[in-house]
Protein backbone atom coordinates (compact mmCIF):
# COMPACT_ATOMS: atom_id res chain seq x y z
CA MET A 1 -30.87 -58.80 32.69
CA ASN A 2 -30.18 -62.47 32.94
CA ILE A 3 -28.93 -63.80 29.57
CA LYS A 4 -28.55 -67.44 28.95
CA ASN A 5 -28.72 -67.66 25.15
CA ILE A 6 -26.72 -66.03 22.29
CA ILE A 7 -28.07 -66.44 18.84
CA PHE A 8 -25.93 -65.87 15.64
CA ASP A 9 -26.64 -65.23 11.98
CA PHE A 10 -24.15 -66.32 9.88
CA GLY A 11 -23.63 -64.37 6.77
CA GLY A 12 -21.98 -60.93 7.42
CA VAL A 13 -21.63 -62.13 11.09
CA LEU A 14 -19.37 -65.21 11.12
CA MET A 15 -18.84 -65.77 7.17
CA ASP A 16 -17.87 -63.53 4.50
CA TRP A 17 -20.11 -64.22 1.53
CA ASP A 18 -20.47 -61.92 -1.36
CA PRO A 19 -21.24 -62.96 -5.02
CA ARG A 20 -18.73 -60.34 -6.19
CA TYR A 21 -15.84 -62.44 -4.83
CA PHE A 22 -16.63 -64.40 -8.10
CA PHE A 23 -18.19 -62.01 -10.34
CA LYS A 24 -15.39 -59.51 -10.26
CA THR A 25 -13.21 -61.79 -12.00
CA TYR A 26 -15.79 -63.32 -14.38
CA PHE A 27 -17.04 -59.99 -15.61
CA ASN A 28 -13.62 -57.99 -15.29
CA ASP A 29 -16.17 -54.98 -15.69
CA ASP A 30 -17.52 -53.70 -12.56
CA GLU A 31 -20.57 -51.63 -13.91
CA LYS A 32 -21.48 -54.72 -15.71
CA MET A 33 -21.24 -56.89 -12.54
CA GLU A 34 -23.13 -54.38 -10.56
CA TYR A 35 -25.83 -54.06 -13.28
CA PHE A 36 -26.32 -58.00 -13.15
CA LEU A 37 -26.29 -58.14 -9.33
CA GLU A 38 -28.77 -55.29 -9.09
CA ASN A 39 -31.23 -56.23 -11.84
CA ILE A 40 -30.82 -59.75 -12.85
CA ALA A 41 -29.29 -62.12 -10.15
CA GLN A 42 -30.47 -59.38 -7.49
CA SER A 43 -30.62 -60.22 -3.58
CA GLU A 44 -34.44 -60.76 -3.74
CA TRP A 45 -33.75 -63.49 -6.02
CA ASN A 46 -31.38 -65.35 -3.95
CA GLU A 47 -33.61 -65.13 -0.82
CA GLN A 48 -36.26 -67.00 -2.63
CA GLN A 49 -33.68 -69.96 -2.70
CA ASP A 50 -32.59 -68.94 1.00
CA LYS A 51 -36.48 -69.40 1.52
CA GLY A 52 -36.71 -73.26 0.36
CA ARG A 53 -37.00 -72.88 -3.62
CA SER A 54 -34.50 -75.19 -5.33
CA LEU A 55 -31.53 -73.81 -6.85
CA ALA A 56 -32.63 -75.54 -9.94
CA GLU A 57 -36.04 -73.88 -10.11
CA GLY A 58 -34.58 -70.31 -9.06
CA THR A 59 -32.07 -70.51 -11.92
CA ALA A 60 -34.96 -71.50 -14.43
CA ILE A 61 -37.19 -68.78 -13.52
CA GLN A 62 -34.46 -66.22 -13.75
CA ILE A 63 -33.45 -67.74 -17.33
CA LYS A 64 -36.95 -67.43 -18.61
CA LYS A 65 -37.22 -63.84 -17.45
CA PHE A 66 -33.55 -62.99 -18.87
CA PRO A 67 -32.55 -65.39 -21.49
CA GLU A 68 -29.79 -63.32 -22.78
CA TRP A 69 -28.08 -63.58 -19.42
CA GLU A 70 -28.49 -67.34 -19.14
CA LYS A 71 -24.81 -67.92 -18.91
CA GLU A 72 -24.17 -65.75 -16.25
CA ILE A 73 -27.53 -66.89 -14.43
CA ARG A 74 -26.12 -70.34 -14.09
CA ALA A 75 -22.63 -69.25 -13.14
CA PHE A 76 -24.35 -67.84 -9.89
CA TYR A 77 -24.96 -70.97 -8.27
CA ASP A 78 -22.22 -73.35 -10.15
CA ASN A 79 -19.79 -70.81 -8.46
CA TRP A 80 -21.48 -70.28 -5.32
CA THR A 81 -18.46 -71.71 -3.12
CA VAL A 82 -16.15 -69.16 -4.50
CA MET A 83 -18.68 -66.42 -3.19
CA LEU A 84 -18.14 -68.10 0.28
CA LYS A 85 -14.76 -66.24 1.04
CA SER A 86 -13.82 -67.13 4.41
CA GLU A 87 -14.93 -67.06 7.92
CA ILE A 88 -14.87 -63.46 9.65
CA PRO A 89 -11.94 -64.40 11.65
CA GLN A 90 -12.26 -61.87 15.01
CA ASN A 91 -16.24 -62.74 15.24
CA VAL A 92 -15.35 -66.61 15.08
CA GLU A 93 -12.80 -65.93 17.65
CA VAL A 94 -15.39 -64.82 20.17
CA LEU A 95 -17.66 -67.82 19.42
CA ARG A 96 -14.94 -69.74 20.40
CA LYS A 97 -14.48 -68.24 23.46
CA LEU A 98 -17.90 -68.50 24.30
CA LYS A 99 -17.86 -72.09 23.69
CA ASN A 100 -16.04 -72.29 26.93
CA THR A 101 -19.18 -70.67 28.92
CA ASP A 102 -22.40 -71.31 30.26
CA TYR A 103 -24.33 -69.88 27.69
CA GLN A 104 -26.72 -71.56 25.17
CA LEU A 105 -25.36 -70.98 21.67
CA PHE A 106 -27.77 -71.05 18.63
CA GLY A 107 -27.72 -70.19 14.82
CA LEU A 108 -30.58 -68.56 13.00
CA THR A 109 -29.62 -68.04 9.39
CA ASN A 110 -31.12 -67.10 5.97
CA TRP A 111 -29.25 -69.64 3.90
CA SER A 112 -30.38 -72.35 1.14
CA GLU A 113 -30.95 -75.81 2.24
CA GLU A 114 -28.90 -76.99 -0.71
CA THR A 115 -25.74 -74.69 -0.19
CA PHE A 116 -25.47 -74.68 3.74
CA PRO A 117 -24.27 -78.31 4.11
CA TYR A 118 -20.91 -77.12 2.18
CA ALA A 119 -20.27 -74.61 4.91
CA LEU A 120 -21.05 -77.20 7.57
CA GLU A 121 -18.51 -79.50 6.29
CA ASN A 122 -15.75 -76.90 5.52
CA TYR A 123 -15.90 -74.64 8.58
CA ASP A 124 -15.36 -76.39 11.67
CA PHE A 125 -16.58 -73.72 14.10
CA PHE A 126 -20.23 -74.70 13.04
CA GLN A 127 -19.68 -77.80 15.27
CA ILE A 128 -19.78 -75.20 18.37
CA PHE A 129 -23.32 -74.92 17.82
CA ASP A 130 -23.95 -78.63 18.36
CA GLY A 131 -26.69 -79.00 15.90
CA LYS A 132 -28.99 -75.84 17.52
CA ILE A 133 -28.98 -74.12 13.93
CA VAL A 134 -32.63 -73.04 12.67
CA VAL A 135 -32.00 -72.84 8.70
CA SER A 136 -34.44 -70.83 6.51
CA GLY A 137 -34.15 -73.02 3.59
CA THR A 138 -35.13 -76.00 5.61
CA GLU A 139 -37.82 -74.33 7.48
CA LYS A 140 -39.51 -72.27 4.35
CA LEU A 141 -39.44 -69.27 6.32
CA ILE A 142 -36.94 -66.32 6.11
CA LYS A 143 -35.85 -63.37 8.29
CA PRO A 144 -37.51 -60.96 9.06
CA ASP A 145 -40.68 -63.14 9.07
CA PRO A 146 -41.22 -63.47 12.97
CA GLU A 147 -42.19 -67.18 12.57
CA ILE A 148 -38.89 -68.13 12.07
CA TRP A 149 -37.70 -66.56 15.57
CA HIS A 150 -40.81 -68.76 17.14
CA VAL A 151 -39.35 -71.97 15.40
CA LEU A 152 -36.11 -71.36 17.23
CA LEU A 153 -37.81 -70.61 20.49
CA ASN A 154 -40.30 -73.13 20.65
CA ARG A 155 -37.96 -75.99 19.07
CA TYR A 156 -35.17 -75.19 22.11
CA HIS A 157 -37.61 -73.98 24.84
CA ILE A 158 -35.80 -70.83 25.19
CA GLN A 159 -37.02 -67.08 25.82
CA ALA A 160 -36.55 -64.25 23.75
CA GLY A 161 -35.90 -61.79 27.28
CA GLU A 162 -33.06 -64.29 28.07
CA SER A 163 -31.53 -63.90 24.63
CA VAL A 164 -28.97 -62.00 22.54
CA PHE A 165 -29.69 -61.88 18.70
CA ILE A 166 -26.49 -61.04 16.68
CA ASP A 167 -27.20 -60.07 12.83
CA ASP A 168 -25.67 -57.76 10.18
CA ASN A 169 -29.22 -56.98 8.81
CA PRO A 170 -31.00 -53.68 10.22
CA LYS A 171 -34.32 -55.19 9.45
CA ASN A 172 -33.89 -58.52 11.24
CA ILE A 173 -32.43 -56.53 14.19
CA GLU A 174 -35.76 -54.37 14.36
CA MET A 175 -37.58 -57.51 14.29
CA ALA A 176 -35.80 -59.18 16.84
CA LYS A 177 -36.12 -56.07 19.06
CA SER A 178 -39.90 -56.06 18.66
CA LEU A 179 -39.99 -59.81 19.82
CA GLY A 180 -38.27 -58.74 22.95
CA PHE A 181 -34.82 -59.91 22.22
CA THR A 182 -31.42 -58.10 23.55
CA THR A 183 -29.80 -57.31 19.99
CA ILE A 184 -26.49 -56.59 18.38
CA HIS A 185 -26.28 -55.14 15.03
CA VAL A 186 -22.75 -56.20 13.70
CA LEU A 187 -21.06 -53.79 11.10
CA PRO A 188 -17.55 -54.55 9.62
CA ASP A 189 -15.66 -52.64 12.33
CA THR A 190 -17.86 -53.91 15.43
CA ASP A 191 -15.95 -55.16 18.18
CA LEU A 192 -18.21 -58.33 19.08
CA GLU A 193 -16.71 -58.85 22.34
CA LYS A 194 -17.19 -55.50 23.60
CA GLU A 195 -20.59 -55.41 22.26
CA LEU A 196 -21.66 -58.75 24.17
CA ALA A 197 -19.97 -57.20 27.43
CA SER A 198 -22.00 -53.97 27.14
CA VAL A 199 -25.23 -56.11 27.32
CA GLY A 200 -23.99 -58.36 30.23
CA VAL A 201 -22.19 -61.12 28.58
CA LYS A 202 -19.33 -62.44 30.36
CA ILE A 203 -16.69 -64.01 28.36
């Protein structure tokens, strides 16, 4: 297998993002926090902002549905940077090592166009991608829609069969596999360097 390209998802792979990092202290009540995140500010709602809906519109829609939770809903994007806790150091270290190889490095992320610039400005490892990043909020497409992979392939003139795709979401991994990518499903205990070596990537 001749791998030429390595494509990274960001959240859960290179960045540790979780709304609980803010809301745990905010609510000081785990049961109430989990209810809010499962029923009011659920991931399906946040994904619409990742798909290109503005934060203001998303917030307004949810407040209209759940007026009694207005304060908490507004707090979600007002405190988004607290939810972006840190980079995931062991995986970022692998990315930094890859910088000194001949592999082309790309990002393919489900991320709001409004919040992604904060990450770009505050975490220097994003510069390693040299701008070769496809952001769902900008494209108005979101994984696992196959179209977003085609945007990446067409924009940078690369082939799925020569590419490794790394993600923490099993649905995205399944879609990428079906499109012909070699895949690595990242879990909290994944040794990314070892997994890359197992598919023929030499660091």
